[in-house]
Structures are given as C-alpha cells and as structure tokens.
Amino acid sequence: SAPDPGNVRPLKVLRKTLELLKQKWKDEKNYTFICDQFKSLRQDL
C-alpha cells in the first residue's frame, strides 16, 4: 500500500544508516542481514 512517512527514513538518517551498514559488513560479514538492510535503504530512497 502507499508508504507511511512515519516508517520511512529521510535522507539525513539514511546517510547514518549507510555508515552503520558499512561498519557492520566489515565487522560481521552477515550477508543475509546486510542484503535485507540495503534493500530497505534502497526502498526508502
């Protein structure tokens, strides 16, 4: 259905999300988690 603004992250938050995901990929290498998070990030964009 139409996205709810309350469930979507604005650009400034998405920038912080990307930095967090970069560090988590470096530290944990959990592809299932990282892929899911990147798809969510792409969707918000």
ModelCIF file with pLDDT and N, C-alpha, C, O atoms, coordinates in Angstrom:
data_MODEL
#
_entry.id   MODEL 
#
_entity.id                         1 
_entity.type                       polymer 
_entity.pdbx_number_of_molecules   1 
#
_entity_poly.entity_id                      1 
_entity_poly.type                           'polypeptide(L)' 
_entity_poly.nstd_linkage                   no 
_entity_poly.nstd_monomer                   no 
_entity_poly.pdbx_seq_one_letter_code       SAPDPGNVRPLKVLRKTLELLKQKWKDEKNYTFICDQFKSLRQDL 
_entity_poly.pdbx_seq_one_letter_code_can   SAPDPGNVRPLKVLRKTLELLKQKWKDEKNYTFICDQFKSLRQDL 
_entity_poly.pdbx_strand_id                 A 
#
loop_
_entity_poly_seq.entity_id 
_entity_poly_seq.num 
_entity_poly_seq.mon_id 
_entity_poly_seq.hetero 
1 1  SER n 
1 2  ALA n 
1 3  PRO n 
1 4  ASP n 
1 5  PRO n 
1 6  GLY n 
1 7  ASN n 
1 8  VAL n 
1 9  ARG n 
1 10 PRO n 
1 11 LEU n 
1 12 LYS n 
1 13 VAL n 
1 14 LEU n 
1 15 ARG n 
1 16 LYS n 
1 17 THR n 
1 18 LEU n 
1 19 GLU n 
1 20 LEU n 
1 21 LEU n 
1 22 LYS n 
1 23 GLN n 
1 24 LYS n 
1 25 TRP n 
1 26 LYS n 
1 27 ASP n 
1 28 GLU n 
1 29 LYS n 
1 30 ASN n 
1 31 TYR n 
1 32 THR n 
1 33 PHE n 
1 34 ILE n 
1 35 CYS n 
1 36 ASP n 
1 37 GLN n 
1 38 PHE n 
1 39 LYS n 
1 40 SER n 
1 41 LEU n 
1 42 ARG n 
1 43 GLN n 
1 44 ASP n 
1 45 LEU n 
#
_struct_asym.id          A 
_struct_asym.entity_id   1 
#
loop_
_ma_qa_metric.id 
_ma_qa_metric.mode 
_ma_qa_metric.name 
_ma_qa_metric.software_group_id 
_ma_qa_metric.type 
1 global pLDDT . pLDDT 
2 local  pLDDT . pLDDT 
#
_ma_qa_metric_global.metric_id      1 
_ma_qa_metric_global.metric_value   94.82 
_ma_qa_metric_global.model_id       1 
_ma_qa_metric_global.ordinal_id     1 
#
loop_
_ma_qa_metric_local.label_asym_id 
_ma_qa_metric_local.label_comp_id 
_ma_qa_metric_local.label_seq_id 
_ma_qa_metric_local.metric_id 
_ma_qa_metric_local.metric_value 
_ma_qa_metric_local.model_id 
_ma_qa_metric_local.ordinal_id 
A SER 1  2 79.00 1 1  
A ALA 2  2 79.00 1 2  
A PRO 3  2 84.00 1 3  
A ASP 4  2 89.00 1 4  
A PRO 5  2 90.00 1 5  
A GLY 6  2 93.00 1 6  
A ASN 7  2 93.00 1 7  
A VAL 8  2 94.00 1 8  
A ARG 9  2 96.00 1 9  
A PRO 10 2 94.00 1 10 
A LEU 11 2 95.00 1 11 
A LYS 12 2 95.00 1 12 
A VAL 13 2 96.00 1 13 
A LEU 14 2 97.00 1 14 
A ARG 15 2 97.00 1 15 
A LYS 16 2 97.00 1 16 
A THR 17 2 98.00 1 17 
A LEU 18 2 98.00 1 18 
A GLU 19 2 98.00 1 19 
A LEU 20 2 98.00 1 20 
A LEU 21 2 98.00 1 21 
A LYS 22 2 97.00 1 22 
A GLN 23 2 97.00 1 23 
A LYS 24 2 97.00 1 24 
A TRP 25 2 97.00 1 25 
A LYS 26 2 96.00 1 26 
A ASP 27 2 96.00 1 27 
A GLU 28 2 96.00 1 28 
A LYS 29 2 95.00 1 29 
A ASN 30 2 97.00 1 30 
A TYR 31 2 97.00 1 31 
A THR 32 2 97.00 1 32 
A PHE 33 2 97.00 1 33 
A ILE 34 2 97.00 1 34 
A CYS 35 2 97.00 1 35 
A ASP 36 2 97.00 1 36 
A GLN 37 2 97.00 1 37 
A PHE 38 2 97.00 1 38 
A LYS 39 2 96.00 1 39 
A SER 40 2 96.00 1 40 
A LEU 41 2 97.00 1 41 
A ARG 42 2 95.00 1 42 
A GLN 43 2 93.00 1 43 
A ASP 44 2 94.00 1 44 
A LEU 45 2 94.00 1 45 
#
loop_
_atom_site.group_PDB 
_atom_site.id 
_atom_site.type_symbol 
_atom_site.label_atom_id 
_atom_site.label_alt_id 
_atom_site.label_comp_id 
_atom_site.label_asym_id 
_atom_site.label_entity_id 
_atom_site.label_seq_id 
_atom_site.pdbx_PDB_ins_code 
_atom_site.Cartn_x 
_atom_site.Cartn_y 
_atom_site.Cartn_z 
_atom_site.occupancy 
_atom_site.B_iso_or_equiv 
_atom_site.pdbx_formal_charge 
_atom_site.auth_seq_id 
_atom_site.auth_comp_id 
_atom_site.auth_asym_id 
_atom_site.auth_atom_id 
_atom_site.pdbx_PDB_model_num 
ATOM 1   N N  . SER A 1 1  ? 0.866  -1.178  0.000  1.00 79.00 ? 1  SER A N  1 
ATOM 2   C CA . SER A 1 1  ? 0.000  0.000   0.000  1.00 79.00 ? 1  SER A CA 1 
ATOM 3   C C  . SER A 1 1  ? 0.905  1.230   0.000  1.00 79.00 ? 1  SER A C  1 
ATOM 4   O O  . SER A 1 1  ? 2.130  1.114   0.027  1.00 79.00 ? 1  SER A O  1 
ATOM 5   N N  . ALA A 1 2  ? 0.291  2.396   -0.031 1.00 79.00 ? 2  ALA A N  1 
ATOM 6   C CA . ALA A 1 2  ? 1.072  3.633   -0.020 1.00 79.00 ? 2  ALA A CA 1 
ATOM 7   C C  . ALA A 1 2  ? 1.941  3.689   1.234  1.00 79.00 ? 2  ALA A C  1 
ATOM 8   O O  . ALA A 1 2  ? 1.467  3.376   2.326  1.00 79.00 ? 2  ALA A O  1 
ATOM 9   N N  . PRO A 1 3  ? 3.216  4.087   1.090  1.00 84.00 ? 3  PRO A N  1 
ATOM 10  C CA . PRO A 1 3  ? 4.113  4.114   2.249  1.00 84.00 ? 3  PRO A CA 1 
ATOM 11  C C  . PRO A 1 3  ? 3.696  5.164   3.269  1.00 84.00 ? 3  PRO A C  1 
ATOM 12  O O  . PRO A 1 3  ? 3.196  6.231   2.912  1.00 84.00 ? 3  PRO A O  1 
ATOM 13  N N  . ASP A 1 4  ? 3.906  4.850   4.537  1.00 89.00 ? 4  ASP A N  1 
ATOM 14  C CA . ASP A 1 4  ? 3.616  5.762   5.639  1.00 89.00 ? 4  ASP A CA 1 
ATOM 15  C C  . ASP A 1 4  ? 4.884  6.555   5.944  1.00 89.00 ? 4  ASP A C  1 
ATOM 16  O O  . ASP A 1 4  ? 5.916  5.952   6.237  1.00 89.00 ? 4  ASP A O  1 
ATOM 17  N N  . PRO A 1 5  ? 4.840  7.892   5.883  1.00 90.00 ? 5  PRO A N  1 
ATOM 18  C CA . PRO A 1 5  ? 6.038  8.692   6.170  1.00 90.00 ? 5  PRO A CA 1 
ATOM 19  C C  . PRO A 1 5  ? 6.689  8.338   7.509  1.00 90.00 ? 5  PRO A C  1 
ATOM 20  O O  . PRO A 1 5  ? 7.904  8.459   7.663  1.00 90.00 ? 5  PRO A O  1 
ATOM 21  N N  . GLY A 1 6  ? 5.873  7.899   8.480  1.00 93.00 ? 6  GLY A N  1 
ATOM 22  C CA . GLY A 1 6  ? 6.416  7.548   9.787  1.00 93.00 ? 6  GLY A CA 1 
ATOM 23  C C  . GLY A 1 6  ? 7.282  6.303   9.766  1.00 93.00 ? 6  GLY A C  1 
ATOM 24  O O  . GLY A 1 6  ? 8.025  6.055   10.716 1.00 93.00 ? 6  GLY A O  1 
ATOM 25  N N  . ASN A 1 7  ? 7.201  5.504   8.687  1.00 93.00 ? 7  ASN A N  1 
ATOM 26  C CA . ASN A 1 7  ? 8.015  4.291   8.563  1.00 93.00 ? 7  ASN A CA 1 
ATOM 27  C C  . ASN A 1 7  ? 9.147  4.450   7.559  1.00 93.00 ? 7  ASN A C  1 
ATOM 28  O O  . ASN A 1 7  ? 9.852  3.488   7.256  1.00 93.00 ? 7  ASN A O  1 
ATOM 29  N N  . VAL A 1 8  ? 9.320  5.657   7.044  1.00 94.00 ? 8  VAL A N  1 
ATOM 30  C CA . VAL A 1 8  ? 10.347 5.924   6.025  1.00 94.00 ? 8  VAL A CA 1 
ATOM 31  C C  . VAL A 1 8  ? 11.382 6.884   6.594  1.00 94.00 ? 8  VAL A C  1 
ATOM 32  O O  . VAL A 1 8  ? 11.039 7.882   7.227  1.00 94.00 ? 8  VAL A O  1 
ATOM 33  N N  . ARG A 1 9  ? 12.660 6.567   6.361  1.00 96.00 ? 9  ARG A N  1 
ATOM 34  C CA . ARG A 1 9  ? 13.739 7.402   6.891  1.00 96.00 ? 9  ARG A CA 1 
ATOM 35  C C  . ARG A 1 9  ? 14.120 8.506   5.908  1.00 96.00 ? 9  ARG A C  1 
ATOM 36  O O  . ARG A 1 9  ? 14.294 8.228   4.722  1.00 96.00 ? 9  ARG A O  1 
ATOM 37  N N  . PRO A 1 10 ? 14.253 9.737   6.364  1.00 94.00 ? 10 PRO A N  1 
ATOM 38  C CA . PRO A 1 10 ? 14.681 10.820  5.470  1.00 94.00 ? 10 PRO A CA 1 
ATOM 39  C C  . PRO A 1 10 ? 16.154 10.671  5.103  1.00 94.00 ? 10 PRO A C  1 
ATOM 40  O O  . PRO A 1 10 ? 16.866 9.836   5.661  1.00 94.00 ? 10 PRO A O  1 
ATOM 41  N N  . LEU A 1 11 ? 16.592 11.486  4.166  1.00 95.00 ? 11 LEU A N  1 
ATOM 42  C CA . LEU A 1 11 ? 17.945 11.357  3.629  1.00 95.00 ? 11 LEU A CA 1 
ATOM 43  C C  . LEU A 1 11 ? 19.024 11.443  4.704  1.00 95.00 ? 11 LEU A C  1 
ATOM 44  O O  . LEU A 1 11 ? 19.976 10.663  4.682  1.00 95.00 ? 11 LEU A O  1 
ATOM 45  N N  . LYS A 1 12 ? 18.892 12.376  5.642  1.00 95.00 ? 12 LYS A N  1 
ATOM 46  C CA . LYS A 1 12 ? 19.942 12.543  6.655  1.00 95.00 ? 12 LYS A CA 1 
ATOM 47  C C  . LYS A 1 12 ? 20.077 11.296  7.528  1.00 95.00 ? 12 LYS A C  1 
ATOM 48  O O  . LYS A 1 12 ? 21.177 10.969  7.975  1.00 95.00 ? 12 LYS A O  1 
ATOM 49  N N  . VAL A 1 13 ? 18.960 10.595  7.775  1.00 96.00 ? 13 VAL A N  1 
ATOM 50  C CA . VAL A 1 13 ? 19.009 9.355   8.558  1.00 96.00 ? 13 VAL A CA 1 
ATOM 51  C C  . VAL A 1 13 ? 19.583 8.224   7.708  1.00 96.00 ? 13 VAL A C  1 
ATOM 52  O O  . VAL A 1 13 ? 20.326 7.383   8.212  1.00 96.00 ? 13 VAL A O  1 
ATOM 53  N N  . LEU A 1 14 ? 19.242 8.203   6.421  1.00 97.00 ? 14 LEU A N  1 
ATOM 54  C CA . LEU A 1 14 ? 19.762 7.155   5.532  1.00 97.00 ? 14 LEU A CA 1 
ATOM 55  C C  . LEU A 1 14 ? 21.281 7.246   5.408  1.00 97.00 ? 14 LEU A C  1 
ATOM 56  O O  . LEU A 1 14 ? 21.950 6.224   5.258  1.00 97.00 ? 14 LEU A O  1 
ATOM 57  N N  . ARG A 1 15 ? 21.821 8.432   5.466  1.00 97.00 ? 15 ARG A N  1 
ATOM 58  C CA . ARG A 1 15 ? 23.290 8.586   5.425  1.00 97.00 ? 15 ARG A CA 1 
ATOM 59  C C  . ARG A 1 15 ? 23.921 7.912   6.651  1.00 97.00 ? 15 ARG A C  1 
ATOM 60  O O  . ARG A 1 15 ? 24.947 7.241   6.543  1.00 97.00 ? 15 ARG A O  1 
ATOM 61  N N  . LYS A 1 16 ? 23.301 8.099   7.799  1.00 97.00 ? 16 LYS A N  1 
ATOM 62  C CA . LYS A 1 16 ? 23.798 7.445   9.022  1.00 97.00 ? 16 LYS A CA 1 
ATOM 63  C C  . LYS A 1 16 ? 23.641 5.925   8.923  1.00 97.00 ? 16 LYS A C  1 
ATOM 64  O O  . LYS A 1 16 ? 24.504 5.171   9.373  1.00 97.00 ? 16 LYS A O  1 
ATOM 65  N N  . THR A 1 17 ? 22.530 5.487   8.329  1.00 98.00 ? 17 THR A N  1 
ATOM 66  C CA . THR A 1 17 ? 22.300 4.052   8.150  1.00 98.00 ? 17 THR A CA 1 
ATOM 67  C C  . THR A 1 17 ? 23.401 3.434   7.305  1.00 98.00 ? 17 THR A C  1 
ATOM 68  O O  . THR A 1 17 ? 23.909 2.362   7.634  1.00 98.00 ? 17 THR A O  1 
ATOM 69  N N  . LEU A 1 18 ? 23.773 4.100   6.223  1.00 98.00 ? 18 LEU A N  1 
ATOM 70  C CA . LEU A 1 18 ? 24.815 3.557   5.353  1.00 98.00 ? 18 LEU A CA 1 
ATOM 71  C C  . LEU A 1 18 ? 26.135 3.406   6.098  1.00 98.00 ? 18 LEU A C  1 
ATOM 72  O O  . LEU A 1 18 ? 26.820 2.396   5.940  1.00 98.00 ? 18 LEU A O  1 
ATOM 73  N N  . GLU A 1 19 ? 26.497 4.386   6.897  1.00 98.00 ? 19 GLU A N  1 
ATOM 74  C CA . GLU A 1 19 ? 27.748 4.292   7.663  1.00 98.00 ? 19 GLU A CA 1 
ATOM 75  C C  . GLU A 1 19 ? 27.691 3.117   8.641  1.00 98.00 ? 19 GLU A C  1 
ATOM 76  O O  . GLU A 1 19 ? 28.683 2.414   8.839  1.00 98.00 ? 19 GLU A O  1 
ATOM 77  N N  . LEU A 1 20 ? 26.525 2.912   9.247  1.00 98.00 ? 20 LEU A N  1 
ATOM 78  C CA . LEU A 1 20 ? 26.363 1.789   10.173 1.00 98.00 ? 20 LEU A CA 1 
ATOM 79  C C  . LEU A 1 20 ? 26.499 0.457   9.435  1.00 98.00 ? 20 LEU A C  1 
ATOM 80  O O  . LEU A 1 20 ? 27.146 -0.467  9.929  1.00 98.00 ? 20 LEU A O  1 
ATOM 81  N N  . LEU A 1 21 ? 25.888 0.360   8.250  1.00 98.00 ? 21 LEU A N  1 
ATOM 82  C CA . LEU A 1 21 ? 25.937 -0.886  7.483  1.00 98.00 ? 21 LEU A CA 1 
ATOM 83  C C  . LEU A 1 21 ? 27.352 -1.176  6.987  1.00 98.00 ? 21 LEU A C  1 
ATOM 84  O O  . LEU A 1 21 ? 27.774 -2.332  6.953  1.00 98.00 ? 21 LEU A O  1 
ATOM 85  N N  . LYS A 1 22 ? 28.072 -0.149  6.611  1.00 97.00 ? 22 LYS A N  1 
ATOM 86  C CA . LYS A 1 22 ? 29.468 -0.341  6.180  1.00 97.00 ? 22 LYS A CA 1 
ATOM 87  C C  . LYS A 1 22 ? 30.291 -0.957  7.303  1.00 97.00 ? 22 LYS A C  1 
ATOM 88  O O  . LYS A 1 22 ? 31.077 -1.876  7.071  1.00 97.00 ? 22 LYS A O  1 
ATOM 89  N N  . GLN A 1 23 ? 30.108 -0.448  8.524  1.00 97.00 ? 23 GLN A N  1 
ATOM 90  C CA . GLN A 1 23 ? 30.863 -0.962  9.673  1.00 97.00 ? 23 GLN A CA 1 
ATOM 91  C C  . GLN A 1 23 ? 30.428 -2.390  10.010 1.00 97.00 ? 23 GLN A C  1 
ATOM 92  O O  . GLN A 1 23 ? 31.264 -3.240  10.315 1.00 97.00 ? 23 GLN A O  1 
ATOM 93  N N  . LYS A 1 24 ? 29.111 -2.653  9.953  1.00 97.00 ? 24 LYS A N  1 
ATOM 94  C CA . LYS A 1 24 ? 28.618 -3.990  10.287 1.00 97.00 ? 24 LYS A CA 1 
ATOM 95  C C  . LYS A 1 24 ? 29.108 -5.013  9.268  1.00 97.00 ? 24 LYS A C  1 
ATOM 96  O O  . LYS A 1 24 ? 29.436 -6.142  9.632  1.00 97.00 ? 24 LYS A O  1 
ATOM 97  N N  . TRP A 1 25 ? 29.158 -4.629  7.999  1.00 97.00 ? 25 TRP A N  1 
ATOM 98  C CA . TRP A 1 25 ? 29.648 -5.562  6.980  1.00 97.00 ? 25 TRP A CA 1 
ATOM 99  C C  . TRP A 1 25 ? 31.129 -5.865  7.217  1.00 97.00 ? 25 TRP A C  1 
ATOM 100 O O  . TRP A 1 25 ? 31.573 -7.004  7.069  1.00 97.00 ? 25 TRP A O  1 
ATOM 101 N N  . LYS A 1 26 ? 31.874 -4.843  7.582  1.00 96.00 ? 26 LYS A N  1 
ATOM 102 C CA . LYS A 1 26 ? 33.301 -5.027  7.857  1.00 96.00 ? 26 LYS A CA 1 
ATOM 103 C C  . LYS A 1 26 ? 33.508 -5.934  9.057  1.00 96.00 ? 26 LYS A C  1 
ATOM 104 O O  . LYS A 1 26 ? 34.405 -6.777  9.046  1.00 96.00 ? 26 LYS A O  1 
ATOM 105 N N  . ASP A 1 27 ? 32.687 -5.774  10.100 1.00 96.00 ? 27 ASP A N  1 
ATOM 106 C CA . ASP A 1 27 ? 32.884 -6.498  11.358 1.00 96.00 ? 27 ASP A CA 1 
ATOM 107 C C  . ASP A 1 27 ? 32.258 -7.898  11.345 1.00 96.00 ? 27 ASP A C  1 
ATOM 108 O O  . ASP A 1 27 ? 32.834 -8.843  11.886 1.00 96.00 ? 27 ASP A O  1 
ATOM 109 N N  . GLU A 1 28 ? 31.070 -8.028  10.721 1.00 96.00 ? 28 GLU A N  1 
ATOM 110 C CA . GLU A 1 28 ? 30.300 -9.267  10.873 1.00 96.00 ? 28 GLU A CA 1 
ATOM 111 C C  . GLU A 1 28 ? 30.181 -10.111 9.611  1.00 96.00 ? 28 GLU A C  1 
ATOM 112 O O  . GLU A 1 28 ? 30.043 -11.331 9.702  1.00 96.00 ? 28 GLU A O  1 
ATOM 113 N N  . LYS A 1 29 ? 30.233 -9.489  8.434  1.00 95.00 ? 29 LYS A N  1 
ATOM 114 C CA . LYS A 1 29 ? 30.118 -10.215 7.150  1.00 95.00 ? 29 LYS A CA 1 
ATOM 115 C C  . LYS A 1 29 ? 28.850 -11.072 7.088  1.00 95.00 ? 29 LYS A C  1 
ATOM 116 O O  . LYS A 1 29 ? 28.859 -12.161 6.514  1.00 95.00 ? 29 LYS A O  1 
ATOM 117 N N  . ASN A 1 30 ? 27.763 -10.574 7.683  1.00 97.00 ? 30 ASN A N  1 
ATOM 118 C CA . ASN A 1 30 ? 26.492 -11.300 7.654  1.00 97.00 ? 30 ASN A CA 1 
ATOM 119 C C  . ASN A 1 30 ? 25.709 -10.845 6.424  1.00 97.00 ? 30 ASN A C  1 
ATOM 120 O O  . ASN A 1 30 ? 25.008 -9.834  6.469  1.00 97.00 ? 30 ASN A O  1 
ATOM 121 N N  . TYR A 1 31 ? 25.830 -11.596 5.321  1.00 97.00 ? 31 TYR A N  1 
ATOM 122 C CA . TYR A 1 31 ? 25.253 -11.134 4.062  1.00 97.00 ? 31 TYR A CA 1 
ATOM 123 C C  . TYR A 1 31 ? 23.729 -11.087 4.092  1.00 97.00 ? 31 TYR A C  1 
ATOM 124 O O  . TYR A 1 31 ? 23.130 -10.167 3.536  1.00 97.00 ? 31 TYR A O  1 
ATOM 125 N N  . THR A 1 32 ? 23.095 -12.067 4.732  1.00 97.00 ? 32 THR A N  1 
ATOM 126 C CA . THR A 1 32 ? 21.627 -12.088 4.789  1.00 97.00 ? 32 THR A CA 1 
ATOM 127 C C  . THR A 1 32 ? 21.100 -10.809 5.429  1.00 97.00 ? 32 THR A C  1 
ATOM 128 O O  . THR A 1 32 ? 20.159 -10.195 4.927  1.00 97.00 ? 32 THR A O  1 
ATOM 129 N N  . PHE A 1 33 ? 21.713 -10.417 6.536  1.00 97.00 ? 33 PHE A N  1 
ATOM 130 C CA . PHE A 1 33 ? 21.308 -9.198  7.232  1.00 97.00 ? 33 PHE A CA 1 
ATOM 131 C C  . PHE A 1 33 ? 21.604 -7.962  6.394  1.00 97.00 ? 33 PHE A C  1 
ATOM 132 O O  . PHE A 1 33 ? 20.745 -7.095  6.232  1.00 97.00 ? 33 PHE A O  1 
ATOM 133 N N  . ILE A 1 34 ? 22.825 -7.882  5.860  1.00 97.00 ? 34 ILE A N  1 
ATOM 134 C CA . ILE A 1 34 ? 23.244 -6.697  5.105  1.00 97.00 ? 34 ILE A CA 1 
ATOM 135 C C  . ILE A 1 34 ? 22.401 -6.517  3.852  1.00 97.00 ? 34 ILE A C  1 
ATOM 136 O O  . ILE A 1 34 ? 22.004 -5.398  3.526  1.00 97.00 ? 34 ILE A O  1 
ATOM 137 N N  . CYS A 1 35 ? 22.125 -7.601  3.152  1.00 97.00 ? 35 CYS A N  1 
ATOM 138 C CA . CYS A 1 35 ? 21.321 -7.510  1.932  1.00 97.00 ? 35 CYS A CA 1 
ATOM 139 C C  . CYS A 1 35 ? 19.924 -6.996  2.257  1.00 97.00 ? 35 CYS A C  1 
ATOM 140 O O  . CYS A 1 35 ? 19.400 -6.129  1.558  1.00 97.00 ? 35 CYS A O  1 
ATOM 141 N N  . ASP A 1 36 ? 19.331 -7.520  3.301  1.00 97.00 ? 36 ASP A N  1 
ATOM 142 C CA . ASP A 1 36 ? 17.995 -7.088  3.713  1.00 97.00 ? 36 ASP A CA 1 
ATOM 143 C C  . ASP A 1 36 ? 17.998 -5.598  4.075  1.00 97.00 ? 36 ASP A C  1 
ATOM 144 O O  . ASP A 1 36 ? 17.073 -4.869  3.715  1.00 97.00 ? 36 ASP A O  1 
ATOM 145 N N  . GLN A 1 37 ? 19.033 -5.148  4.782  1.00 97.00 ? 37 GLN A N  1 
ATOM 146 C CA . GLN A 1 37 ? 19.113 -3.748  5.196  1.00 97.00 ? 37 GLN A CA 1 
ATOM 147 C C  . GLN A 1 37 ? 19.335 -2.821  4.000  1.00 97.00 ? 37 GLN A C  1 
ATOM 148 O O  . GLN A 1 37 ? 18.786 -1.720  3.953  1.00 97.00 ? 37 GLN A O  1 
ATOM 149 N N  . PHE A 1 38 ? 20.137 -3.268  3.038  1.00 97.00 ? 38 PHE A N  1 
ATOM 150 C CA . PHE A 1 38 ? 20.365 -2.447  1.848  1.00 97.00 ? 38 PHE A CA 1 
ATOM 151 C C  . PHE A 1 38 ? 19.099 -2.346  0.997  1.00 97.00 ? 38 PHE A C  1 
ATOM 152 O O  . PHE A 1 38 ? 18.824 -1.292  0.424  1.00 97.00 ? 38 PHE A O  1 
ATOM 153 N N  . LYS A 1 39 ? 18.337 -3.420  0.909  1.00 96.00 ? 39 LYS A N  1 
ATOM 154 C CA . LYS A 1 39 ? 17.083 -3.371  0.155  1.00 96.00 ? 39 LYS A CA 1 
ATOM 155 C C  . LYS A 1 39 ? 16.107 -2.408  0.815  1.00 96.00 ? 39 LYS A C  1 
ATOM 156 O O  . LYS A 1 39 ? 15.379 -1.690  0.130  1.00 96.00 ? 39 LYS A O  1 
ATOM 157 N N  . SER A 1 40 ? 16.091 -2.393  2.147  1.00 96.00 ? 40 SER A N  1 
ATOM 158 C CA . SER A 1 40 ? 15.240 -1.463  2.877  1.00 96.00 ? 40 SER A CA 1 
ATOM 159 C C  . SER A 1 40 ? 15.692 -0.023  2.641  1.00 96.00 ? 40 SER A C  1 
ATOM 160 O O  . SER A 1 40 ? 14.871 0.878   2.467  1.00 96.00 ? 40 SER A O  1 
ATOM 161 N N  . LEU A 1 41 ? 16.996 0.175   2.639  1.00 97.00 ? 41 LEU A N  1 
ATOM 162 C CA . LEU A 1 41 ? 17.555 1.503   2.402  1.00 97.00 ? 41 LEU A CA 1 
ATOM 163 C C  . LEU A 1 41 ? 17.197 1.981   0.994  1.00 97.00 ? 41 LEU A C  1 
ATOM 164 O O  . LEU A 1 41 ? 16.788 3.127   0.803  1.00 97.00 ? 41 LEU A O  1 
ATOM 165 N N  . ARG A 1 42 ? 17.356 1.094   0.013  1.00 95.00 ? 42 ARG A N  1 
ATOM 166 C CA . ARG A 1 42 ? 17.019 1.432   -1.374 1.00 95.00 ? 42 ARG A CA 1 
ATOM 167 C C  . ARG A 1 42 ? 15.533 1.766   -1.509 1.00 95.00 ? 42 ARG A C  1 
ATOM 168 O O  . ARG A 1 42 ? 15.158 2.682   -2.241 1.00 95.00 ? 42 ARG A O  1 
ATOM 169 N N  . GLN A 1 43 ? 14.698 1.021   -0.802 1.00 93.00 ? 43 GLN A N  1 
ATOM 170 C CA . GLN A 1 43 ? 13.256 1.267   -0.873 1.00 93.00 ? 43 GLN A CA 1 
ATOM 171 C C  . GLN A 1 43 ? 12.922 2.663   -0.351 1.00 93.00 ? 43 GLN A C  1 
ATOM 172 O O  . GLN A 1 43 ? 12.103 3.370   -0.939 1.00 93.00 ? 43 GLN A O  1 
ATOM 173 N N  . ASP A 1 44 ? 13.559 3.061   0.758  1.00 94.00 ? 44 ASP A N  1 
ATOM 174 C CA . ASP A 1 44 ? 13.295 4.390   1.316  1.00 94.00 ? 44 ASP A CA 1 
ATOM 175 C C  . ASP A 1 44 ? 13.744 5.486   0.362  1.00 94.00 ? 44 ASP A C  1 
ATOM 176 O O  . ASP A 1 44 ? 13.112 6.540   0.295  1.00 94.00 ? 44 ASP A O  1 
ATOM 177 N N  . LEU A 1 45 ? 14.821 5.256   -0.374 1.00 94.00 ? 45 LEU A N  1 
ATOM 178 C CA . LEU A 1 45 ? 15.249 6.219   -1.389 1.00 94.00 ? 45 LEU A CA 1 
ATOM 179 C C  . LEU A 1 45 ? 14.229 6.298   -2.518 1.00 94.00 ? 45 LEU A C  1 
ATOM 180 O O  . LEU A 1 45 ? 14.416 7.058   -3.468 1.00 94.00 ? 45 LEU A O  1 
#
